[in-house]
Structure formats: C-alpha cells, structure tokens
mmCIF file of all heavy atoms, coordinates in Angstrom:
data_MODEL
# 
_entry.id   MODEL 
# 
loop_
_atom_site.group_PDB 
_atom_site.id 
_atom_site.type_symbol 
_atom_site.label_atom_id 
_atom_site.label_alt_id 
_atom_site.label_comp_id 
_atom_site.label_asym_id 
_atom_site.label_entity_id 
_atom_site.label_seq_id 
_atom_site.pdbx_PDB_ins_code 
_atom_site.Cartn_x 
_atom_site.Cartn_y 
_atom_site.Cartn_z 
_atom_site.occupancy 
_atom_site.B_iso_or_equiv 
_atom_site.pdbx_formal_charge 
_atom_site.auth_seq_id 
_atom_site.auth_comp_id 
_atom_site.auth_asym_id 
_atom_site.auth_atom_id 
_atom_site.pdbx_PDB_model_num 
ATOM 1   N N   . ALA A 1 1  ? 49.448 149.676 -16.359 1.00 0.00 ? 1  ALA A N   1 
ATOM 2   C CA  . ALA A 1 1  ? 49.671 150.180 -17.775 1.00 0.00 ? 1  ALA A CA  1 
ATOM 3   C C   . ALA A 1 1  ? 48.788 149.305 -18.716 1.00 0.00 ? 1  ALA A C   1 
ATOM 4   O O   . ALA A 1 1  ? 48.620 148.123 -18.550 1.00 0.00 ? 1  ALA A O   1 
ATOM 5   C CB  . ALA A 1 1  ? 51.147 149.967 -18.173 1.00 0.00 ? 1  ALA A CB  1 
ATOM 6   N N   . VAL A 1 2  ? 48.225 149.923 -19.683 1.00 0.00 ? 2  VAL A N   1 
ATOM 7   C CA  . VAL A 1 2  ? 47.462 149.297 -20.664 1.00 0.00 ? 2  VAL A CA  1 
ATOM 8   C C   . VAL A 1 2  ? 48.317 148.487 -21.657 1.00 0.00 ? 2  VAL A C   1 
ATOM 9   O O   . VAL A 1 2  ? 49.398 148.911 -22.053 1.00 0.00 ? 2  VAL A O   1 
ATOM 10  C CB  . VAL A 1 2  ? 46.582 150.343 -21.435 1.00 0.00 ? 2  VAL A CB  1 
ATOM 11  C CG1 . VAL A 1 2  ? 45.786 149.700 -22.584 1.00 0.00 ? 2  VAL A CG1 1 
ATOM 12  C CG2 . VAL A 1 2  ? 45.685 151.079 -20.523 1.00 0.00 ? 2  VAL A CG2 1 
ATOM 13  N N   . PHE A 1 3  ? 47.880 147.317 -22.049 1.00 0.00 ? 3  PHE A N   1 
ATOM 14  C CA  . PHE A 1 3  ? 48.601 146.571 -23.076 1.00 0.00 ? 3  PHE A CA  1 
ATOM 15  C C   . PHE A 1 3  ? 48.706 147.366 -24.336 1.00 0.00 ? 3  PHE A C   1 
ATOM 16  O O   . PHE A 1 3  ? 47.746 148.015 -24.785 1.00 0.00 ? 3  PHE A O   1 
ATOM 17  C CB  . PHE A 1 3  ? 47.794 145.302 -23.458 1.00 0.00 ? 3  PHE A CB  1 
ATOM 18  C CG  . PHE A 1 3  ? 47.871 144.157 -22.457 1.00 0.00 ? 3  PHE A CG  1 
ATOM 19  C CD1 . PHE A 1 3  ? 46.796 143.486 -22.092 1.00 0.00 ? 3  PHE A CD1 1 
ATOM 20  C CD2 . PHE A 1 3  ? 49.093 143.760 -21.961 1.00 0.00 ? 3  PHE A CD2 1 
ATOM 21  C CE1 . PHE A 1 3  ? 46.831 142.532 -21.175 1.00 0.00 ? 3  PHE A CE1 1 
ATOM 22  C CE2 . PHE A 1 3  ? 49.167 142.706 -21.103 1.00 0.00 ? 3  PHE A CE2 1 
ATOM 23  C CZ  . PHE A 1 3  ? 47.999 142.105 -20.722 1.00 0.00 ? 3  PHE A CZ  1 
ATOM 24  N N   . SER A 1 4  ? 49.877 147.430 -24.839 1.00 0.00 ? 4  SER A N   1 
ATOM 25  C CA  . SER A 1 4  ? 50.104 148.117 -26.094 1.00 0.00 ? 4  SER A CA  1 
ATOM 26  C C   . SER A 1 4  ? 51.353 147.585 -26.769 1.00 0.00 ? 4  SER A C   1 
ATOM 27  O O   . SER A 1 4  ? 52.146 146.887 -26.151 1.00 0.00 ? 4  SER A O   1 
ATOM 28  C CB  . SER A 1 4  ? 50.237 149.626 -25.887 1.00 0.00 ? 4  SER A CB  1 
ATOM 29  O OG  . SER A 1 4  ? 51.472 149.918 -25.306 1.00 0.00 ? 4  SER A OG  1 
ATOM 30  N N   . ALA A 1 5  ? 51.557 147.910 -28.052 1.00 0.00 ? 5  ALA A N   1 
ATOM 31  C CA  . ALA A 1 5  ? 52.709 147.488 -28.688 1.00 0.00 ? 5  ALA A CA  1 
ATOM 32  C C   . ALA A 1 5  ? 54.049 147.960 -28.053 1.00 0.00 ? 5  ALA A C   1 
ATOM 33  O O   . ALA A 1 5  ? 55.044 147.342 -27.991 1.00 0.00 ? 5  ALA A O   1 
ATOM 34  C CB  . ALA A 1 5  ? 52.705 147.850 -30.139 1.00 0.00 ? 5  ALA A CB  1 
ATOM 35  N N   . GLU A 1 6  ? 53.888 149.176 -27.374 1.00 0.00 ? 6  GLU A N   1 
ATOM 36  C CA  . GLU A 1 6  ? 55.052 149.681 -26.695 1.00 0.00 ? 6  GLU A CA  1 
ATOM 37  C C   . GLU A 1 6  ? 55.395 148.938 -25.385 1.00 0.00 ? 6  GLU A C   1 
ATOM 38  O O   . GLU A 1 6  ? 56.505 148.952 -24.938 1.00 0.00 ? 6  GLU A O   1 
ATOM 39  C CB  . GLU A 1 6  ? 54.826 151.175 -26.434 1.00 0.00 ? 6  GLU A CB  1 
ATOM 40  C CG  . GLU A 1 6  ? 54.770 152.013 -27.638 1.00 0.00 ? 6  GLU A CG  1 
ATOM 41  C CD  . GLU A 1 6  ? 53.477 151.956 -28.425 1.00 0.00 ? 6  GLU A CD  1 
ATOM 42  O OE1 . GLU A 1 6  ? 52.393 151.740 -27.736 1.00 0.00 ? 6  GLU A OE1 1 
ATOM 43  O OE2 . GLU A 1 6  ? 53.415 152.068 -29.667 1.00 0.00 ? 6  GLU A OE2 1 
ATOM 44  N N   . THR A 1 7  ? 54.414 148.326 -24.690 1.00 0.00 ? 7  THR A N   1 
ATOM 45  C CA  . THR A 1 7  ? 54.593 147.838 -23.453 1.00 0.00 ? 7  THR A CA  1 
ATOM 46  C C   . THR A 1 7  ? 54.734 146.321 -23.481 1.00 0.00 ? 7  THR A C   1 
ATOM 47  O O   . THR A 1 7  ? 55.248 145.723 -22.519 1.00 0.00 ? 7  THR A O   1 
ATOM 48  C CB  . THR A 1 7  ? 53.461 148.127 -22.450 1.00 0.00 ? 7  THR A CB  1 
ATOM 49  O OG1 . THR A 1 7  ? 52.217 147.624 -22.952 1.00 0.00 ? 7  THR A OG1 1 
ATOM 50  C CG2 . THR A 1 7  ? 53.415 149.674 -22.244 1.00 0.00 ? 7  THR A CG2 1 
ATOM 51  N N   . ILE A 1 8  ? 54.277 145.623 -24.540 1.00 0.00 ? 8  ILE A N   1 
ATOM 52  C CA  . ILE A 1 8  ? 54.436 144.195 -24.641 1.00 0.00 ? 8  ILE A CA  1 
ATOM 53  C C   . ILE A 1 8  ? 55.236 143.787 -25.810 1.00 0.00 ? 8  ILE A C   1 
ATOM 54  O O   . ILE A 1 8  ? 54.856 144.099 -26.952 1.00 0.00 ? 8  ILE A O   1 
ATOM 55  C CB  . ILE A 1 8  ? 52.986 143.534 -24.720 1.00 0.00 ? 8  ILE A CB  1 
ATOM 56  C CG1 . ILE A 1 8  ? 52.042 143.964 -23.617 1.00 0.00 ? 8  ILE A CG1 1 
ATOM 57  C CG2 . ILE A 1 8  ? 53.082 142.048 -24.893 1.00 0.00 ? 8  ILE A CG2 1 
ATOM 58  C CD1 . ILE A 1 8  ? 52.369 143.325 -22.283 1.00 0.00 ? 8  ILE A CD1 1 
ATOM 59  N N   . GLU A 1 9  ? 56.356 143.136 -25.576 1.00 0.00 ? 9  GLU A N   1 
ATOM 60  C CA  . GLU A 1 9  ? 57.232 142.738 -26.664 1.00 0.00 ? 9  GLU A CA  1 
ATOM 61  C C   . GLU A 1 9  ? 56.474 141.794 -27.561 1.00 0.00 ? 9  GLU A C   1 
ATOM 62  O O   . GLU A 1 9  ? 55.820 140.827 -27.143 1.00 0.00 ? 9  GLU A O   1 
ATOM 63  C CB  . GLU A 1 9  ? 58.474 142.131 -26.118 1.00 0.00 ? 9  GLU A CB  1 
ATOM 64  C CG  . GLU A 1 9  ? 59.538 141.792 -27.210 1.00 0.00 ? 9  GLU A CG  1 
ATOM 65  C CD  . GLU A 1 9  ? 60.816 141.248 -26.637 1.00 0.00 ? 9  GLU A CD  1 
ATOM 66  O OE1 . GLU A 1 9  ? 61.128 141.595 -25.503 1.00 0.00 ? 9  GLU A OE1 1 
ATOM 67  O OE2 . GLU A 1 9  ? 61.397 140.367 -27.285 1.00 0.00 ? 9  GLU A OE2 1 
ATOM 68  N N   . GLY A 1 10 ? 56.591 141.938 -28.846 1.00 0.00 ? 10 GLY A N   1 
ATOM 69  C CA  . GLY A 1 10 ? 55.994 140.990 -29.819 1.00 0.00 ? 10 GLY A CA  1 
ATOM 70  C C   . GLY A 1 10 ? 54.486 141.295 -30.053 1.00 0.00 ? 10 GLY A C   1 
ATOM 71  O O   . GLY A 1 10 ? 53.948 140.532 -30.798 1.00 0.00 ? 10 GLY A O   1 
ATOM 72  N N   . MET A 1 11 ? 53.975 142.285 -29.462 1.00 0.00 ? 11 MET A N   1 
ATOM 73  C CA  . MET A 1 11 ? 52.528 142.511 -29.593 1.00 0.00 ? 11 MET A CA  1 
ATOM 74  C C   . MET A 1 11 ? 52.246 143.400 -30.842 1.00 0.00 ? 11 MET A C   1 
ATOM 75  O O   . MET A 1 11 ? 51.056 143.690 -31.110 1.00 0.00 ? 11 MET A O   1 
ATOM 76  C CB  . MET A 1 11 ? 52.003 143.175 -28.324 1.00 0.00 ? 11 MET A CB  1 
ATOM 77  C CG  . MET A 1 11 ? 50.549 143.065 -28.140 1.00 0.00 ? 11 MET A CG  1 
ATOM 78  S SD  . MET A 1 11 ? 50.025 143.817 -26.617 1.00 0.00 ? 11 MET A SD  1 
ATOM 79  C CE  . MET A 1 11 ? 48.499 142.856 -26.290 1.00 0.00 ? 11 MET A CE  1 
ATOM 80  N N   . THR A 1 12 ? 53.262 143.803 -31.538 1.00 0.00 ? 12 THR A N   1 
ATOM 81  C CA  . THR A 1 12 ? 53.034 144.763 -32.653 1.00 0.00 ? 12 THR A CA  1 
ATOM 82  C C   . THR A 1 12 ? 52.153 144.160 -33.762 1.00 0.00 ? 12 THR A C   1 
ATOM 83  O O   . THR A 1 12 ? 51.517 144.851 -34.509 1.00 0.00 ? 12 THR A O   1 
ATOM 84  C CB  . THR A 1 12 ? 54.381 145.215 -33.230 1.00 0.00 ? 12 THR A CB  1 
ATOM 85  O OG1 . THR A 1 12 ? 55.112 144.046 -33.623 1.00 0.00 ? 12 THR A OG1 1 
ATOM 86  C CG2 . THR A 1 12 ? 55.124 146.053 -32.217 1.00 0.00 ? 12 THR A CG2 1 
ATOM 87  N N   . ASP A 1 13 ? 52.155 142.826 -33.861 1.00 0.00 ? 13 ASP A N   1 
ATOM 88  C CA  . ASP A 1 13 ? 51.431 142.195 -34.941 1.00 0.00 ? 13 ASP A CA  1 
ATOM 89  C C   . ASP A 1 13 ? 49.946 141.861 -34.504 1.00 0.00 ? 13 ASP A C   1 
ATOM 90  O O   . ASP A 1 13 ? 49.185 141.332 -35.279 1.00 0.00 ? 13 ASP A O   1 
ATOM 91  C CB  . ASP A 1 13 ? 52.043 140.866 -35.377 1.00 0.00 ? 13 ASP A CB  1 
ATOM 92  C CG  . ASP A 1 13 ? 53.431 141.177 -36.028 1.00 0.00 ? 13 ASP A CG  1 
ATOM 93  O OD1 . ASP A 1 13 ? 53.592 142.264 -36.562 1.00 0.00 ? 13 ASP A OD1 1 
ATOM 94  O OD2 . ASP A 1 13 ? 54.251 140.238 -36.056 1.00 0.00 ? 13 ASP A OD2 1 
ATOM 95  N N   . MET A 1 14 ? 49.632 142.158 -33.305 1.00 0.00 ? 14 MET A N   1 
ATOM 96  C CA  . MET A 1 14 ? 48.291 141.873 -32.793 1.00 0.00 ? 14 MET A CA  1 
ATOM 97  C C   . MET A 1 14 ? 47.279 142.954 -33.179 1.00 0.00 ? 14 MET A C   1 
ATOM 98  O O   . MET A 1 14 ? 47.577 144.119 -33.123 1.00 0.00 ? 14 MET A O   1 
ATOM 99  C CB  . MET A 1 14 ? 48.291 141.733 -31.226 1.00 0.00 ? 14 MET A CB  1 
ATOM 100 C CG  . MET A 1 14 ? 47.016 141.195 -30.743 1.00 0.00 ? 14 MET A CG  1 
ATOM 101 S SD  . MET A 1 14 ? 47.060 140.945 -28.913 1.00 0.00 ? 14 MET A SD  1 
ATOM 102 C CE  . MET A 1 14 ? 48.340 139.729 -28.807 1.00 0.00 ? 14 MET A CE  1 
ATOM 103 N N   . HIS A 1 15 ? 46.157 142.490 -33.572 1.00 0.00 ? 15 HIS A N   1 
ATOM 104 C CA  . HIS A 1 15 ? 45.034 143.439 -33.951 1.00 0.00 ? 15 HIS A CA  1 
ATOM 105 C C   . HIS A 1 15 ? 44.671 144.275 -32.804 1.00 0.00 ? 15 HIS A C   1 
ATOM 106 O O   . HIS A 1 15 ? 44.579 143.825 -31.683 1.00 0.00 ? 15 HIS A O   1 
ATOM 107 C CB  . HIS A 1 15 ? 43.822 142.692 -34.500 1.00 0.00 ? 15 HIS A CB  1 
ATOM 108 C CG  . HIS A 1 15 ? 42.888 143.491 -35.271 1.00 0.00 ? 15 HIS A CG  1 
ATOM 109 N ND1 . HIS A 1 15 ? 41.896 144.260 -34.662 1.00 0.00 ? 15 HIS A ND1 1 
ATOM 110 C CD2 . HIS A 1 15 ? 42.806 143.714 -36.546 1.00 0.00 ? 15 HIS A CD2 1 
ATOM 111 C CE1 . HIS A 1 15 ? 41.248 144.843 -35.579 1.00 0.00 ? 15 HIS A CE1 1 
ATOM 112 N NE2 . HIS A 1 15 ? 41.784 144.600 -36.740 1.00 0.00 ? 15 HIS A NE2 1 
ATOM 113 N N   . PRO A 1 16 ? 44.444 145.614 -32.991 1.00 0.00 ? 16 PRO A N   1 
ATOM 114 C CA  . PRO A 1 16 ? 44.078 146.460 -31.886 1.00 0.00 ? 16 PRO A CA  1 
ATOM 115 C C   . PRO A 1 16 ? 42.807 146.110 -31.082 1.00 0.00 ? 16 PRO A C   1 
ATOM 116 O O   . PRO A 1 16 ? 42.831 146.267 -29.877 1.00 0.00 ? 16 PRO A O   1 
ATOM 117 C CB  . PRO A 1 16 ? 43.800 147.857 -32.539 1.00 0.00 ? 16 PRO A CB  1 
ATOM 118 C CG  . PRO A 1 16 ? 44.593 147.739 -33.894 1.00 0.00 ? 16 PRO A CG  1 
ATOM 119 C CD  . PRO A 1 16 ? 44.554 146.319 -34.281 1.00 0.00 ? 16 PRO A CD  1 
ATOM 120 N N   . THR A 1 17 ? 41.776 145.458 -31.745 1.00 0.00 ? 17 THR A N   1 
ATOM 121 C CA  . THR A 1 17 ? 40.657 145.037 -30.966 1.00 0.00 ? 17 THR A CA  1 
ATOM 122 C C   . THR A 1 17 ? 41.033 143.941 -30.023 1.00 0.00 ? 17 THR A C   1 
ATOM 123 O O   . THR A 1 17 ? 40.445 143.876 -28.901 1.00 0.00 ? 17 THR A O   1 
ATOM 124 C CB  . THR A 1 17 ? 39.545 144.542 -31.920 1.00 0.00 ? 17 THR A CB  1 
ATOM 125 O OG1 . THR A 1 17 ? 40.019 143.395 -32.736 1.00 0.00 ? 17 THR A OG1 1 
ATOM 126 C CG2 . THR A 1 17 ? 39.037 145.708 -32.798 1.00 0.00 ? 17 THR A CG2 1 
ATOM 127 N N   . THR A 1 18 ? 41.944 143.060 -30.372 1.00 0.00 ? 18 THR A N   1 
ATOM 128 C CA  . THR A 1 18 ? 42.397 141.992 -29.503 1.00 0.00 ? 18 THR A CA  1 
ATOM 129 C C   . THR A 1 18 ? 43.228 142.565 -28.341 1.00 0.00 ? 18 THR A C   1 
ATOM 130 O O   . THR A 1 18 ? 43.131 142.104 -27.220 1.00 0.00 ? 18 THR A O   1 
ATOM 131 C CB  . THR A 1 18 ? 43.099 140.908 -30.268 1.00 0.00 ? 18 THR A CB  1 
ATOM 132 O OG1 . THR A 1 18 ? 42.391 140.574 -31.398 1.00 0.00 ? 18 THR A OG1 1 
ATOM 133 C CG2 . THR A 1 18 ? 43.309 139.723 -29.344 1.00 0.00 ? 18 THR A CG2 1 
ATOM 134 N N   . GLN A 1 19 ? 44.072 143.613 -28.630 1.00 0.00 ? 19 GLN A N   1 
ATOM 135 C CA  . GLN A 1 19 ? 44.825 144.197 -27.524 1.00 0.00 ? 19 GLN A CA  1 
ATOM 136 C C   . GLN A 1 19 ? 43.833 144.792 -26.500 1.00 0.00 ? 19 GLN A C   1 
ATOM 137 O O   . GLN A 1 19 ? 44.097 144.630 -25.285 1.00 0.00 ? 19 GLN A O   1 
ATOM 138 C CB  . GLN A 1 19 ? 45.692 145.346 -28.079 1.00 0.00 ? 19 GLN A CB  1 
ATOM 139 C CG  . GLN A 1 19 ? 46.848 144.864 -28.983 1.00 0.00 ? 19 GLN A CG  1 
ATOM 140 C CD  . GLN A 1 19 ? 47.660 146.032 -29.534 1.00 0.00 ? 19 GLN A CD  1 
ATOM 141 O OE1 . GLN A 1 19 ? 47.527 147.142 -29.187 1.00 0.00 ? 19 GLN A OE1 1 
ATOM 142 N NE2 . GLN A 1 19 ? 48.529 145.692 -30.545 1.00 0.00 ? 19 GLN A NE2 1 
ATOM 143 N N   . ARG A 1 20 ? 42.790 145.438 -27.007 1.00 0.00 ? 20 ARG A N   1 
ATOM 144 C CA  . ARG A 1 20 ? 41.802 146.018 -26.091 1.00 0.00 ? 20 ARG A CA  1 
ATOM 145 C C   . ARG A 1 20 ? 41.062 144.954 -25.302 1.00 0.00 ? 20 ARG A C   1 
ATOM 146 O O   . ARG A 1 20 ? 40.769 145.146 -24.101 1.00 0.00 ? 20 ARG A O   1 
ATOM 147 C CB  . ARG A 1 20 ? 40.855 146.938 -26.811 1.00 0.00 ? 20 ARG A CB  1 
ATOM 148 C CG  . ARG A 1 20 ? 41.516 148.232 -27.314 1.00 0.00 ? 20 ARG A CG  1 
ATOM 149 C CD  . ARG A 1 20 ? 40.557 149.263 -27.820 1.00 0.00 ? 20 ARG A CD  1 
ATOM 150 N NE  . ARG A 1 20 ? 39.677 148.792 -28.835 1.00 0.00 ? 20 ARG A NE  1 
ATOM 151 C CZ  . ARG A 1 20 ? 39.932 148.922 -30.157 1.00 0.00 ? 20 ARG A CZ  1 
ATOM 152 N NH1 . ARG A 1 20 ? 41.093 149.457 -30.599 1.00 0.00 ? 20 ARG A NH1 1 
ATOM 153 N NH2 . ARG A 1 20 ? 39.058 148.508 -31.069 1.00 0.00 ? 20 ARG A NH2 1 
ATOM 154 N N   . LEU A 1 21 ? 40.793 143.781 -25.995 1.00 0.00 ? 21 LEU A N   1 
ATOM 155 C CA  . LEU A 1 21 ? 40.105 142.707 -25.241 1.00 0.00 ? 21 LEU A CA  1 
ATOM 156 C C   . LEU A 1 21 ? 40.983 142.147 -24.139 1.00 0.00 ? 21 LEU A C   1 
ATOM 157 O O   . LEU A 1 21 ? 40.534 141.994 -23.010 1.00 0.00 ? 21 LEU A O   1 
ATOM 158 C CB  . LEU A 1 21 ? 39.794 141.541 -26.257 1.00 0.00 ? 21 LEU A CB  1 
ATOM 159 C CG  . LEU A 1 21 ? 39.246 140.294 -25.645 1.00 0.00 ? 21 LEU A CG  1 
ATOM 160 C CD1 . LEU A 1 21 ? 37.885 140.514 -24.998 1.00 0.00 ? 21 LEU A CD1 1 
ATOM 161 C CD2 . LEU A 1 21 ? 39.145 139.188 -26.689 1.00 0.00 ? 21 LEU A CD2 1 
ATOM 162 N N   . TYR A 1 22 ? 42.259 141.899 -24.406 1.00 0.00 ? 22 TYR A N   1 
ATOM 163 C CA  . TYR A 1 22 ? 43.175 141.479 -23.332 1.00 0.00 ? 22 TYR A CA  1 
ATOM 164 C C   . TYR A 1 22 ? 43.288 142.471 -22.258 1.00 0.00 ? 22 TYR A C   1 
ATOM 165 O O   . TYR A 1 22 ? 43.319 142.049 -21.034 1.00 0.00 ? 22 TYR A O   1 
ATOM 166 C CB  . TYR A 1 22 ? 44.563 141.130 -23.966 1.00 0.00 ? 22 TYR A CB  1 
ATOM 167 C CG  . TYR A 1 22 ? 44.654 139.819 -24.775 1.00 0.00 ? 22 TYR A CG  1 
ATOM 168 C CD1 . TYR A 1 22 ? 45.496 139.772 -25.875 1.00 0.00 ? 22 TYR A CD1 1 
ATOM 169 C CD2 . TYR A 1 22 ? 43.865 138.763 -24.398 1.00 0.00 ? 22 TYR A CD2 1 
ATOM 170 C CE1 . TYR A 1 22 ? 45.574 138.553 -26.578 1.00 0.00 ? 22 TYR A CE1 1 
ATOM 171 C CE2 . TYR A 1 22 ? 43.981 137.518 -25.151 1.00 0.00 ? 22 TYR A CE2 1 
ATOM 172 C CZ  . TYR A 1 22 ? 44.787 137.477 -26.243 1.00 0.00 ? 22 TYR A CZ  1 
ATOM 173 O OH  . TYR A 1 22 ? 44.863 136.348 -26.967 1.00 0.00 ? 22 TYR A OH  1 
ATOM 174 N N   . ALA A 1 23 ? 43.391 143.752 -22.522 1.00 0.00 ? 23 ALA A N   1 
ATOM 175 C CA  . ALA A 1 23 ? 43.441 144.743 -21.562 1.00 0.00 ? 23 ALA A CA  1 
ATOM 176 C C   . ALA A 1 23 ? 42.182 144.814 -20.642 1.00 0.00 ? 23 ALA A C   1 
ATOM 177 O O   . ALA A 1 23 ? 42.307 144.917 -19.379 1.00 0.00 ? 23 ALA A O   1 
ATOM 178 C CB  . ALA A 1 23 ? 43.709 146.143 -22.168 1.00 0.00 ? 23 ALA A CB  1 
ATOM 179 N N   . ALA A 1 24 ? 41.021 144.657 -21.283 1.00 0.00 ? 24 ALA A N   1 
ATOM 180 C CA  . ALA A 1 24 ? 39.790 144.644 -20.490 1.00 0.00 ? 24 ALA A CA  1 
ATOM 181 C C   . ALA A 1 24 ? 39.720 143.434 -19.640 1.00 0.00 ? 24 ALA A C   1 
ATOM 182 O O   . ALA A 1 24 ? 39.283 143.532 -18.499 1.00 0.00 ? 24 ALA A O   1 
ATOM 183 C CB  . ALA A 1 24 ? 38.592 144.686 -21.473 1.00 0.00 ? 24 ALA A CB  1 
ATOM 184 N N   . ALA A 1 25 ? 40.097 142.269 -20.204 1.00 0.00 ? 25 ALA A N   1 
ATOM 185 C CA  . ALA A 1 25 ? 40.062 140.998 -19.372 1.00 0.00 ? 25 ALA A CA  1 
ATOM 186 C C   . ALA A 1 25 ? 41.003 141.133 -18.158 1.00 0.00 ? 25 ALA A C   1 
ATOM 187 O O   . ALA A 1 25 ? 40.644 140.726 -17.036 1.00 0.00 ? 25 ALA A O   1 
ATOM 188 C CB  . ALA A 1 25 ? 40.481 139.804 -20.262 1.00 0.00 ? 25 ALA A CB  1 
# 
C-alpha cells in the first residue's frame, strides 16, 4: 500500500511531496 493520510496515522499534516518521497524510498 502506498503511504497516504488514510493508511498512516498522523500523516495528514505531511506535505504530499514528502509522502511521495517516503513511498518511493
């Protein structure tokens, strides 16, 4: 599953570009 605000608790405040960076890493 890709990192997203729906799948990671507390991730709603994270910028979308950083979410994508973490998912790619």
